[in-house]
Amino acid sequence: MKKLLLTSAGFHNPEVSKEFLSLVNKDASEIKLVFVAADMDEDSAPWVKKSKQDLLDLGIKEVNILTTFLDRHIDYSDLRNFDAVFVNGGNTFLILDKFRKSNFDRAVIQFIDEGKVYVGVSAGSNITGPDIETCVTGIGDENTVGMKNTVGLNVVDFVTIPHYEHKDEEEIKKWEEKVNYKLVRLTDDQAILVRGDKTRIIE
């Protein structure tokens, strides 16, 4: 059964962190987690530092958190002993490019298929859908890597629009007329919980 928690701003809303613990179904001190920072370190990307602190505040032990910058080849065997993967935000094109070049895309799809928990923050949520072409909306990502194939991980059949504000609505509606998948708007207080074939918004 698929278990995904697709957030706009991580554990900004305490209800989201509660759902995370429920999904993993372990005491926080026993959870082993892969923390994906792509090429963003905690000093240059303060949201990455905050995400790490949120996990520690939940009671996850630092020794049980493996940080990866996707700078090497990764197979599913590298993830097998972990309970969850936590993918931070940043530039969506850059992160998906890192996923592909490190083989992490294939590894994490198998991880999800095995019923392990995937948590996405902003771009980390956006890449799970059919395509990332809409990531220029709202968060306004620039295709800095010259990506031509924008197909996402396709583990869910919708695409998140994180950091949603009403000012983005006109552009989002234009996208909805062009794409053949659903766009789900997420404010920073919201997240999407996926359990198997059931999906709901956490308010």
N, C-alpha and C. Protein backbone atom coordinates (compact mmCIF):
# COMPACT_ATOMS: atom_id res chain seq x y z
N MET A 1 0.84 -1.20 0.00
CA MET A 1 0.00 0.00 0.00
C MET A 1 0.88 1.25 0.00
N LYS A 2 0.57 2.15 -0.90
CA LYS A 2 1.31 3.41 -0.97
C LYS A 2 1.04 4.26 0.27
N LYS A 3 2.12 4.88 0.76
CA LYS A 3 1.99 5.78 1.91
C LYS A 3 2.80 7.04 1.62
N LEU A 4 2.10 8.10 1.26
CA LEU A 4 2.77 9.36 0.96
C LEU A 4 2.16 10.49 1.75
N LEU A 5 3.01 11.42 2.15
CA LEU A 5 2.58 12.63 2.82
C LEU A 5 3.19 13.78 2.03
N LEU A 6 2.38 14.43 1.23
CA LEU A 6 2.86 15.46 0.31
C LEU A 6 2.50 16.82 0.89
N THR A 7 3.53 17.55 1.32
CA THR A 7 3.31 18.79 2.03
C THR A 7 3.77 19.98 1.20
N SER A 8 3.30 21.14 1.62
CA SER A 8 3.75 22.39 1.01
C SER A 8 4.94 22.95 1.79
N ALA A 9 4.87 22.82 3.14
CA ALA A 9 5.91 23.42 3.98
C ALA A 9 6.35 22.48 5.10
N GLY A 10 6.38 21.19 4.82
CA GLY A 10 6.83 20.24 5.83
C GLY A 10 5.86 20.13 6.98
N PHE A 11 6.39 20.09 8.20
CA PHE A 11 5.57 19.89 9.38
C PHE A 11 5.15 21.22 10.02
N HIS A 12 4.89 22.19 9.15
CA HIS A 12 4.44 23.52 9.59
C HIS A 12 3.16 23.40 10.41
N ASN A 13 2.29 22.50 10.01
CA ASN A 13 1.04 22.22 10.72
C ASN A 13 1.26 20.97 11.58
N PRO A 14 1.06 21.05 12.90
CA PRO A 14 1.27 19.89 13.77
C PRO A 14 0.46 18.66 13.37
N GLU A 15 -0.69 18.86 12.73
CA GLU A 15 -1.50 17.73 12.30
C GLU A 15 -0.76 16.87 11.27
N VAL A 16 0.10 17.52 10.49
CA VAL A 16 0.87 16.80 9.47
C VAL A 16 1.87 15.86 10.14
N SER A 17 2.55 16.34 11.16
CA SER A 17 3.51 15.49 11.85
C SER A 17 2.82 14.32 12.54
N LYS A 18 1.62 14.54 13.06
CA LYS A 18 0.86 13.44 13.67
C LYS A 18 0.55 12.36 12.64
N GLU A 19 0.16 12.78 11.44
CA GLU A 19 -0.16 11.81 10.39
C GLU A 19 1.11 11.06 9.96
N PHE A 20 2.24 11.74 9.98
CA PHE A 20 3.50 11.08 9.64
C PHE A 20 3.78 9.94 10.62
N LEU A 21 3.65 10.20 11.91
CA LEU A 21 3.90 9.17 12.91
C LEU A 21 2.91 8.02 12.76
N SER A 22 1.68 8.34 12.41
CA SER A 22 0.67 7.31 12.19
C SER A 22 1.01 6.45 10.98
N LEU A 23 1.50 7.08 9.93
CA LEU A 23 1.87 6.33 8.72
C LEU A 23 3.02 5.36 8.98
N VAL A 24 4.04 5.84 9.67
CA VAL A 24 5.20 4.99 9.95
C VAL A 24 4.84 3.91 10.96
N ASN A 25 3.97 4.27 11.91
CA ASN A 25 3.48 3.31 12.91
C ASN A 25 4.61 2.73 13.75
N LYS A 26 5.51 3.61 14.18
CA LYS A 26 6.59 3.24 15.08
C LYS A 26 6.79 4.36 16.08
N ASP A 27 7.37 4.04 17.22
CA ASP A 27 7.78 5.10 18.12
C ASP A 27 8.82 5.96 17.41
N ALA A 28 8.73 7.28 17.60
CA ALA A 28 9.62 8.19 16.87
C ALA A 28 11.09 7.85 17.09
N SER A 29 11.44 7.41 18.27
CA SER A 29 12.84 7.12 18.58
C SER A 29 13.37 5.92 17.81
N GLU A 30 12.48 5.13 17.20
CA GLU A 30 12.88 3.94 16.46
C GLU A 30 12.86 4.16 14.94
N ILE A 31 12.34 5.31 14.50
CA ILE A 31 12.20 5.56 13.07
C ILE A 31 13.57 5.82 12.44
N LYS A 32 13.83 5.15 11.32
CA LYS A 32 15.04 5.38 10.54
C LYS A 32 14.63 6.05 9.23
N LEU A 33 15.29 7.16 8.92
CA LEU A 33 14.80 8.02 7.84
C LEU A 33 15.94 8.50 6.95
N VAL A 34 15.69 8.52 5.64
CA VAL A 34 16.62 9.09 4.67
C VAL A 34 16.17 10.52 4.40
N PHE A 35 17.07 11.45 4.66
CA PHE A 35 16.78 12.88 4.55
C PHE A 35 17.45 13.41 3.29
N VAL A 36 16.64 13.73 2.28
CA VAL A 36 17.16 14.12 0.97
C VAL A 36 17.25 15.64 0.88
N ALA A 37 18.47 16.14 0.79
CA ALA A 37 18.70 17.58 0.69
C ALA A 37 19.12 17.98 -0.71
N ALA A 38 19.09 17.04 -1.66
CA ALA A 38 19.57 17.28 -3.03
C ALA A 38 20.95 17.93 -2.94
N ASP A 39 21.12 19.12 -3.51
CA ASP A 39 22.44 19.75 -3.39
C ASP A 39 22.39 20.96 -2.46
N MET A 40 21.38 21.00 -1.61
CA MET A 40 21.20 22.13 -0.70
C MET A 40 21.71 21.76 0.69
N ASP A 41 22.69 22.50 1.21
CA ASP A 41 23.09 22.25 2.59
C ASP A 41 22.28 23.15 3.52
N GLU A 42 22.39 22.88 4.81
CA GLU A 42 21.54 23.56 5.78
C GLU A 42 21.87 25.06 5.89
N ASP A 43 23.09 25.43 5.54
CA ASP A 43 23.46 26.84 5.65
C ASP A 43 22.89 27.67 4.50
N SER A 44 22.91 27.10 3.28
CA SER A 44 22.43 27.86 2.12
C SER A 44 20.92 27.75 1.93
N ALA A 45 20.30 26.78 2.58
CA ALA A 45 18.85 26.58 2.45
C ALA A 45 18.26 26.43 3.85
N PRO A 46 17.81 27.52 4.46
CA PRO A 46 17.32 27.47 5.84
C PRO A 46 16.13 26.54 6.02
N TRP A 47 15.33 26.32 4.95
CA TRP A 47 14.18 25.42 5.08
C TRP A 47 14.64 23.98 5.30
N VAL A 48 15.83 23.64 4.79
CA VAL A 48 16.36 22.30 5.02
C VAL A 48 16.72 22.13 6.49
N LYS A 49 17.34 23.14 7.06
CA LYS A 49 17.69 23.10 8.48
C LYS A 49 16.44 22.99 9.34
N LYS A 50 15.39 23.73 8.97
CA LYS A 50 14.14 23.67 9.72
C LYS A 50 13.51 22.29 9.63
N SER A 51 13.53 21.70 8.44
CA SER A 51 12.96 20.36 8.26
C SER A 51 13.69 19.34 9.15
N LYS A 52 15.01 19.43 9.19
CA LYS A 52 15.78 18.51 10.04
C LYS A 52 15.41 18.71 11.51
N GLN A 53 15.29 19.97 11.92
CA GLN A 53 14.94 20.25 13.32
C GLN A 53 13.54 19.74 13.65
N ASP A 54 12.61 19.88 12.71
CA ASP A 54 11.25 19.37 12.93
C ASP A 54 11.26 17.87 13.20
N LEU A 55 12.11 17.15 12.48
CA LEU A 55 12.21 15.69 12.67
C LEU A 55 12.80 15.37 14.04
N LEU A 56 13.82 16.11 14.42
CA LEU A 56 14.43 15.90 15.74
C LEU A 56 13.44 16.23 16.85
N ASP A 57 12.65 17.29 16.64
CA ASP A 57 11.66 17.68 17.64
C ASP A 57 10.57 16.63 17.81
N LEU A 58 10.34 15.85 16.76
CA LEU A 58 9.36 14.76 16.86
C LEU A 58 9.87 13.62 17.73
N GLY A 59 11.18 13.59 17.93
CA GLY A 59 11.77 12.51 18.73
C GLY A 59 12.59 11.53 17.92
N ILE A 60 12.75 11.81 16.62
CA ILE A 60 13.61 10.95 15.80
C ILE A 60 15.07 11.23 16.18
N LYS A 61 15.82 10.17 16.39
CA LYS A 61 17.21 10.32 16.81
C LYS A 61 18.08 10.74 15.63
N GLU A 62 18.98 11.67 15.87
CA GLU A 62 19.85 12.15 14.79
C GLU A 62 20.67 11.02 14.18
N VAL A 63 21.05 10.06 15.00
CA VAL A 63 21.84 8.93 14.51
C VAL A 63 21.04 8.07 13.53
N ASN A 64 19.71 8.19 13.58
CA ASN A 64 18.84 7.41 12.69
C ASN A 64 18.45 8.16 11.43
N ILE A 65 19.02 9.35 11.23
CA ILE A 65 18.74 10.14 10.04
C ILE A 65 19.95 10.13 9.12
N LEU A 66 19.77 9.60 7.93
CA LEU A 66 20.84 9.58 6.93
C LEU A 66 20.57 10.70 5.93
N THR A 67 21.48 11.67 5.87
CA THR A 67 21.34 12.78 4.92
C THR A 67 22.05 12.44 3.62
N THR A 68 21.37 12.65 2.51
CA THR A 68 21.98 12.44 1.21
C THR A 68 21.77 13.65 0.32
N PHE A 69 22.78 13.98 -0.47
CA PHE A 69 22.70 15.09 -1.42
C PHE A 69 22.53 14.56 -2.85
N LEU A 70 22.24 13.27 -2.97
CA LEU A 70 22.05 12.62 -4.28
C LEU A 70 23.26 12.85 -5.18
N ASP A 71 24.43 12.73 -4.60
CA ASP A 71 25.66 12.94 -5.35
C ASP A 71 26.38 11.63 -5.65
N ARG A 72 25.66 10.52 -5.54
CA ARG A 72 26.24 9.22 -5.85
C ARG A 72 25.11 8.30 -6.33
N HIS A 73 25.47 7.18 -6.91
CA HIS A 73 24.48 6.20 -7.37
C HIS A 73 23.81 5.55 -6.16
N ILE A 74 22.49 5.47 -6.19
CA ILE A 74 21.73 4.90 -5.07
C ILE A 74 20.80 3.81 -5.60
N ASP A 75 20.84 2.66 -4.96
CA ASP A 75 19.94 1.55 -5.29
C ASP A 75 18.93 1.35 -4.17
N TYR A 76 17.91 0.55 -4.45
CA TYR A 76 16.92 0.27 -3.40
C TYR A 76 17.57 -0.40 -2.20
N SER A 77 18.61 -1.18 -2.43
CA SER A 77 19.29 -1.85 -1.32
C SER A 77 19.83 -0.84 -0.30
N ASP A 78 20.12 0.38 -0.76
CA ASP A 78 20.61 1.42 0.14
C ASP A 78 19.48 1.97 1.02
N LEU A 79 18.24 1.75 0.61
CA LEU A 79 17.08 2.29 1.33
C LEU A 79 16.33 1.24 2.12
N ARG A 80 16.61 -0.02 1.88
CA ARG A 80 15.80 -1.13 2.37
C ARG A 80 15.58 -1.09 3.89
N ASN A 81 16.58 -0.67 4.64
CA ASN A 81 16.49 -0.72 6.11
C ASN A 81 15.92 0.55 6.73
N PHE A 82 15.39 1.44 5.90
CA PHE A 82 14.81 2.68 6.40
C PHE A 82 13.29 2.63 6.34
N ASP A 83 12.66 3.40 7.22
CA ASP A 83 11.20 3.43 7.29
C ASP A 83 10.59 4.52 6.42
N ALA A 84 11.33 5.58 6.20
CA ALA A 84 10.77 6.74 5.49
C ALA A 84 11.86 7.47 4.71
N VAL A 85 11.42 8.11 3.65
CA VAL A 85 12.26 9.03 2.88
C VAL A 85 11.62 10.41 2.96
N PHE A 86 12.43 11.40 3.28
CA PHE A 86 11.95 12.77 3.44
C PHE A 86 12.67 13.64 2.42
N VAL A 87 11.93 14.15 1.43
CA VAL A 87 12.54 14.90 0.33
C VAL A 87 12.22 16.38 0.48
N ASN A 88 13.26 17.17 0.68
CA ASN A 88 13.10 18.61 0.89
C ASN A 88 12.76 19.34 -0.40
N GLY A 89 12.45 20.62 -0.24
CA GLY A 89 12.15 21.46 -1.39
C GLY A 89 13.40 22.08 -1.98
N GLY A 90 13.17 22.98 -2.91
CA GLY A 90 14.24 23.62 -3.66
C GLY A 90 13.78 23.83 -5.08
N ASN A 91 14.69 23.85 -6.02
CA ASN A 91 14.33 23.96 -7.43
C ASN A 91 13.86 22.60 -7.94
N THR A 92 12.62 22.53 -8.39
CA THR A 92 12.01 21.26 -8.78
C THR A 92 12.76 20.59 -9.93
N PHE A 93 13.16 21.38 -10.93
CA PHE A 93 13.90 20.82 -12.06
C PHE A 93 15.23 20.22 -11.59
N LEU A 94 15.92 20.95 -10.74
CA LEU A 94 17.21 20.50 -10.25
C LEU A 94 17.08 19.22 -9.43
N ILE A 95 16.06 19.16 -8.58
CA ILE A 95 15.87 17.98 -7.73
C ILE A 95 15.53 16.76 -8.57
N LEU A 96 14.62 16.90 -9.53
CA LEU A 96 14.28 15.76 -10.38
C LEU A 96 15.50 15.32 -11.19
N ASP A 97 16.29 16.26 -11.65
CA ASP A 97 17.52 15.94 -12.38
C ASP A 97 18.47 15.13 -11.49
N LYS A 98 18.60 15.52 -10.24
CA LYS A 98 19.44 14.78 -9.28
C LYS A 98 18.88 13.38 -9.04
N PHE A 99 17.57 13.27 -8.94
CA PHE A 99 16.93 11.96 -8.78
C PHE A 99 17.34 11.03 -9.92
N ARG A 100 17.24 11.54 -11.14
CA ARG A 100 17.53 10.70 -12.31
C ARG A 100 18.99 10.31 -12.38
N LYS A 101 19.88 11.28 -12.19
CA LYS A 101 21.32 11.02 -12.35
C LYS A 101 21.87 10.09 -11.28
N SER A 102 21.24 10.07 -10.11
CA SER A 102 21.71 9.20 -9.03
C SER A 102 20.98 7.87 -8.97
N ASN A 103 20.00 7.67 -9.86
CA ASN A 103 19.16 6.48 -9.85
C ASN A 103 18.18 6.47 -8.68
N PHE A 104 18.11 7.59 -7.95
CA PHE A 104 17.24 7.64 -6.79
C PHE A 104 15.78 7.56 -7.20
N ASP A 105 15.46 8.01 -8.42
CA ASP A 105 14.07 7.93 -8.88
C ASP A 105 13.58 6.49 -8.87
N ARG A 106 14.37 5.58 -9.43
CA ARG A 106 13.97 4.17 -9.46
C ARG A 106 13.96 3.56 -8.06
N ALA A 107 14.96 3.92 -7.27
CA ALA A 107 15.06 3.37 -5.92
C ALA A 107 13.88 3.79 -5.06
N VAL A 108 13.49 5.06 -5.16
CA VAL A 108 12.43 5.55 -4.29
C VAL A 108 11.06 5.06 -4.76
N ILE A 109 10.88 4.83 -6.05
CA ILE A 109 9.63 4.25 -6.54
C ILE A 109 9.46 2.84 -5.96
N GLN A 110 10.54 2.06 -5.95
CA GLN A 110 10.47 0.72 -5.35
C GLN A 110 10.22 0.82 -3.85
N PHE A 111 10.84 1.80 -3.21
CA PHE A 111 10.64 2.05 -1.78
C PHE A 111 9.16 2.29 -1.48
N ILE A 112 8.53 3.14 -2.30
CA ILE A 112 7.11 3.42 -2.13
C ILE A 112 6.28 2.18 -2.41
N ASP A 113 6.62 1.44 -3.46
CA ASP A 113 5.89 0.22 -3.80
C ASP A 113 5.97 -0.83 -2.69
N GLU A 114 7.04 -0.79 -1.90
CA GLU A 114 7.20 -1.72 -0.79
C GLU A 114 6.41 -1.29 0.44
N GLY A 115 5.69 -0.17 0.36
CA GLY A 115 4.85 0.28 1.45
C GLY A 115 5.55 1.14 2.47
N LYS A 116 6.76 1.63 2.12
CA LYS A 116 7.47 2.53 3.01
C LYS A 116 6.93 3.96 2.81
N VAL A 117 7.24 4.84 3.74
CA VAL A 117 6.64 6.18 3.76
C VAL A 117 7.50 7.19 3.00
N TYR A 118 6.85 7.95 2.15
CA TYR A 118 7.50 9.05 1.42
C TYR A 118 6.90 10.36 1.89
N VAL A 119 7.77 11.29 2.30
CA VAL A 119 7.33 12.63 2.67
C VAL A 119 7.97 13.63 1.71
N GLY A 120 7.17 14.47 1.12
CA GLY A 120 7.68 15.50 0.23
C GLY A 120 7.40 16.88 0.79
N VAL A 121 8.33 17.79 0.58
CA VAL A 121 8.14 19.19 0.94
C VAL A 121 8.26 20.03 -0.32
N SER A 122 7.20 20.73 -0.69
CA SER A 122 7.22 21.64 -1.84
C SER A 122 7.66 20.89 -3.11
N ALA A 123 8.85 21.16 -3.62
CA ALA A 123 9.32 20.46 -4.82
C ALA A 123 9.36 18.95 -4.61
N GLY A 124 9.66 18.53 -3.38
CA GLY A 124 9.68 17.10 -3.07
C GLY A 124 8.31 16.46 -3.21
N SER A 125 7.25 17.26 -3.10
CA SER A 125 5.89 16.79 -3.35
C SER A 125 5.57 16.86 -4.84
N ASN A 126 5.98 17.95 -5.46
CA ASN A 126 5.65 18.20 -6.86
C ASN A 126 6.16 17.10 -7.78
N ILE A 127 7.35 16.56 -7.49
CA ILE A 127 7.95 15.57 -8.40
C ILE A 127 7.25 14.22 -8.39
N THR A 128 6.35 13.97 -7.43
CA THR A 128 5.72 12.65 -7.34
C THR A 128 4.62 12.44 -8.36
N GLY A 129 4.17 13.52 -9.01
CA GLY A 129 3.06 13.41 -9.94
C GLY A 129 3.48 13.05 -11.35
N PRO A 130 2.54 13.15 -12.31
CA PRO A 130 2.82 12.78 -13.69
C PRO A 130 3.84 13.67 -14.39
N ASP A 131 3.92 14.95 -13.99
CA ASP A 131 4.79 15.89 -14.69
C ASP A 131 5.11 17.06 -13.77
N ILE A 132 6.26 17.71 -13.99
CA ILE A 132 6.61 18.87 -13.16
C ILE A 132 6.48 20.18 -13.93
N GLU A 133 5.87 20.14 -15.10
CA GLU A 133 5.81 21.33 -15.96
C GLU A 133 5.13 22.51 -15.28
N THR A 134 4.22 22.24 -14.34
CA THR A 134 3.48 23.32 -13.69
C THR A 134 4.26 23.96 -12.53
N CYS A 135 5.47 23.49 -12.25
CA CYS A 135 6.20 24.01 -11.09
C CYS A 135 6.65 25.45 -11.30
N VAL A 136 6.48 25.96 -12.49
CA VAL A 136 6.78 27.38 -12.73
C VAL A 136 5.66 28.26 -12.17
N THR A 137 4.57 27.61 -11.72
CA THR A 137 3.43 28.33 -11.16
C THR A 137 3.61 28.51 -9.66
N GLY A 138 3.30 29.65 -9.15
CA GLY A 138 3.33 29.86 -7.71
C GLY A 138 4.74 29.94 -7.17
N ILE A 139 5.41 28.78 -7.06
CA ILE A 139 6.78 28.76 -6.53
C ILE A 139 7.76 29.30 -7.56
N GLY A 140 7.35 29.35 -8.84
CA GLY A 140 8.11 30.03 -9.87
C GLY A 140 9.51 29.48 -10.11
N ASP A 141 9.62 28.17 -10.21
CA ASP A 141 10.94 27.57 -10.45
C ASP A 141 11.42 27.84 -11.87
N GLU A 142 12.73 27.99 -11.99
CA GLU A 142 13.36 28.20 -13.29
C GLU A 142 14.07 26.91 -13.71
N ASN A 143 13.96 26.57 -14.98
CA ASN A 143 14.58 25.34 -15.49
C ASN A 143 16.08 25.57 -15.69
N THR A 144 16.80 25.58 -14.59
CA THR A 144 18.23 25.89 -14.61
C THR A 144 19.09 24.77 -15.19
N VAL A 145 18.52 23.56 -15.31
CA VAL A 145 19.29 22.43 -15.83
C VAL A 145 18.96 22.12 -17.29
N GLY A 146 18.11 22.96 -17.90
CA GLY A 146 17.75 22.75 -19.30
C GLY A 146 16.99 21.45 -19.54
N MET A 147 16.16 21.05 -18.57
CA MET A 147 15.42 19.79 -18.67
C MET A 147 14.37 19.85 -19.77
N LYS A 148 14.37 18.85 -20.64
CA LYS A 148 13.37 18.76 -21.71
C LYS A 148 12.29 17.74 -21.37
N ASN A 149 12.66 16.65 -20.72
CA ASN A 149 11.69 15.63 -20.30
C ASN A 149 11.27 15.93 -18.87
N THR A 150 10.09 16.47 -18.70
CA THR A 150 9.63 16.91 -17.38
C THR A 150 8.71 15.90 -16.70
N VAL A 151 8.70 14.67 -17.18
CA VAL A 151 7.86 13.63 -16.57
C VAL A 151 8.33 13.39 -15.13
N GLY A 152 7.35 13.34 -14.20
CA GLY A 152 7.66 13.13 -12.80
C GLY A 152 7.75 11.67 -12.43
N LEU A 153 7.77 11.38 -11.13
CA LEU A 153 7.86 9.99 -10.66
C LEU A 153 6.59 9.20 -10.98
N ASN A 154 5.47 9.91 -11.11
CA ASN A 154 4.20 9.29 -11.51
C ASN A 154 3.72 8.24 -10.51
N VAL A 155 3.97 8.46 -9.23
CA VAL A 155 3.48 7.53 -8.20
C VAL A 155 2.11 7.97 -7.69
N VAL A 156 1.70 9.18 -8.03
CA VAL A 156 0.33 9.63 -7.80
C VAL A 156 -0.18 10.22 -9.11
N ASP A 157 -1.51 10.30 -9.26
CA ASP A 157 -2.08 10.72 -10.54
C ASP A 157 -2.49 12.18 -10.56
N PHE A 158 -1.93 12.97 -9.65
CA PHE A 158 -2.21 14.40 -9.59
C PHE A 158 -0.89 15.13 -9.36
N VAL A 159 -0.94 16.44 -9.50
CA VAL A 159 0.25 17.27 -9.27
C VAL A 159 -0.08 18.32 -8.22
N THR A 160 0.82 18.47 -7.26
CA THR A 160 0.61 19.47 -6.22
C THR A 160 1.05 20.85 -6.69
N ILE A 161 0.34 21.85 -6.24
CA ILE A 161 0.75 23.24 -6.41
C ILE A 161 1.03 23.78 -5.00
N PRO A 162 2.27 23.68 -4.53
CA PRO A 162 2.57 24.10 -3.16
C PRO A 162 2.61 25.62 -3.01
N HIS A 163 2.55 26.06 -1.77
CA HIS A 163 2.61 27.49 -1.42
C HIS A 163 1.51 28.28 -2.14
N TYR A 164 0.33 27.65 -2.24
CA TYR A 164 -0.76 28.26 -2.99
C TYR A 164 -1.21 29.57 -2.37
N GLU A 165 -1.38 30.57 -3.23
CA GLU A 165 -2.00 31.84 -2.86
C GLU A 165 -3.02 32.20 -3.94
N HIS A 166 -4.02 32.94 -3.55
CA HIS A 166 -5.11 33.26 -4.48
C HIS A 166 -4.60 33.96 -5.74
N LYS A 167 -3.52 34.71 -5.63
CA LYS A 167 -2.98 35.44 -6.78
C LYS A 167 -2.52 34.50 -7.90
N ASP A 168 -2.30 33.21 -7.56
CA ASP A 168 -1.86 32.23 -8.56
C ASP A 168 -3.02 31.58 -9.31
N GLU A 169 -4.24 31.87 -8.88
CA GLU A 169 -5.39 31.12 -9.38
C GLU A 169 -5.58 31.24 -10.89
N GLU A 170 -5.41 32.43 -11.44
CA GLU A 170 -5.63 32.61 -12.88
C GLU A 170 -4.65 31.75 -13.69
N GLU A 171 -3.39 31.73 -13.27
CA GLU A 171 -2.40 30.93 -13.99
C GLU A 171 -2.68 29.44 -13.84
N ILE A 172 -3.10 29.03 -12.64
CA ILE A 172 -3.41 27.62 -12.41
C ILE A 172 -4.56 27.17 -13.29
N LYS A 173 -5.58 27.99 -13.42
CA LYS A 173 -6.74 27.65 -14.25
C LYS A 173 -6.34 27.50 -15.72
N LYS A 174 -5.37 28.30 -16.16
CA LYS A 174 -4.87 28.15 -17.53
C LYS A 174 -4.18 26.80 -17.71
N TRP A 175 -3.42 26.40 -16.71
CA TRP A 175 -2.78 25.09 -16.77
C TRP A 175 -3.82 23.98 -16.79
N GLU A 176 -4.88 24.13 -16.01
CA GLU A 176 -5.92 23.09 -15.92
C GLU A 176 -6.60 22.87 -17.27
N GLU A 177 -6.61 23.88 -18.10
CA GLU A 177 -7.19 23.73 -19.43
C GLU A 177 -6.25 22.99 -20.39
N LYS A 178 -4.97 22.92 -20.03
CA LYS A 178 -3.97 22.33 -20.94
C LYS A 178 -3.55 20.91 -20.56
N VAL A 179 -3.58 20.57 -19.26
CA VAL A 179 -3.05 19.27 -18.82
C VAL A 179 -4.18 18.27 -18.61
N ASN A 180 -3.82 16.99 -18.60
CA ASN A 180 -4.83 15.94 -18.46
C ASN A 180 -4.76 15.26 -17.10
N TYR A 181 -4.25 15.98 -16.11
CA TYR A 181 -4.20 15.46 -14.74
C TYR A 181 -4.69 16.57 -13.80
N LYS A 182 -5.03 16.16 -12.60
CA LYS A 182 -5.58 17.09 -11.62
C LYS A 182 -4.47 17.90 -10.95
N LEU A 183 -4.73 19.18 -10.72
CA LEU A 183 -3.82 20.04 -9.96
C LEU A 183 -4.42 20.27 -8.59
N VAL A 184 -3.66 19.97 -7.54
CA VAL A 184 -4.14 20.13 -6.17
C VAL A 184 -3.41 21.28 -5.51
N ARG A 185 -4.16 22.29 -5.14
CA ARG A 185 -3.60 23.48 -4.51
C ARG A 185 -3.34 23.21 -3.04
N LEU A 186 -2.15 23.57 -2.57
CA LEU A 186 -1.78 23.36 -1.16
C LEU A 186 -1.25 24.65 -0.56
N THR A 187 -1.91 25.13 0.49
CA THR A 187 -1.33 26.21 1.26
C THR A 187 -0.25 25.62 2.18
N ASP A 188 0.50 26.48 2.84
CA ASP A 188 1.57 25.99 3.71
C ASP A 188 1.05 25.28 4.95
N ASP A 189 -0.25 25.41 5.24
CA ASP A 189 -0.85 24.71 6.38
C ASP A 189 -1.44 23.36 5.99
N GLN A 190 -1.41 23.05 4.71
CA GLN A 190 -2.06 21.83 4.24
C GLN A 190 -1.06 20.78 3.76
N ALA A 191 -1.57 19.56 3.63
CA ALA A 191 -0.79 18.46 3.07
C ALA A 191 -1.76 17.45 2.47
N ILE A 192 -1.25 16.58 1.62
CA ILE A 192 -2.06 15.52 1.04
C ILE A 192 -1.59 14.20 1.63
N LEU A 193 -2.53 13.46 2.19
CA LEU A 193 -2.23 12.13 2.74
C LEU A 193 -2.70 11.08 1.74
N VAL A 194 -1.79 10.21 1.33
CA VAL A 194 -2.13 9.12 0.41
C VAL A 194 -1.91 7.80 1.13
N ARG A 195 -2.98 7.02 1.25
CA ARG A 195 -2.91 5.67 1.80
C ARG A 195 -3.55 4.73 0.79
N GLY A 196 -2.73 3.99 0.09
CA GLY A 196 -3.26 3.12 -0.94
C GLY A 196 -3.95 3.94 -2.02
N ASP A 197 -5.22 3.64 -2.27
CA ASP A 197 -5.96 4.38 -3.30
C ASP A 197 -6.81 5.50 -2.70
N LYS A 198 -6.60 5.80 -1.42
CA LYS A 198 -7.37 6.85 -0.77
C LYS A 198 -6.50 8.09 -0.55
N THR A 199 -7.07 9.23 -0.85
CA THR A 199 -6.35 10.51 -0.74
C THR A 199 -7.22 11.51 -0.01
N ARG A 200 -6.60 12.26 0.92
CA ARG A 200 -7.36 13.32 1.58
C ARG A 200 -6.43 14.48 1.93
N ILE A 201 -7.03 15.65 2.05
CA ILE A 201 -6.30 16.85 2.41
C ILE A 201 -6.27 16.99 3.93
N ILE A 202 -5.09 17.20 4.48
CA ILE A 202 -4.95 17.52 5.90
C ILE A 202 -5.01 19.04 6.02
N GLU A 203 -5.95 19.52 6.82
CA GLU A 203 -6.13 20.97 6.98
C GLU A 203 -5.34 21.45 8.20
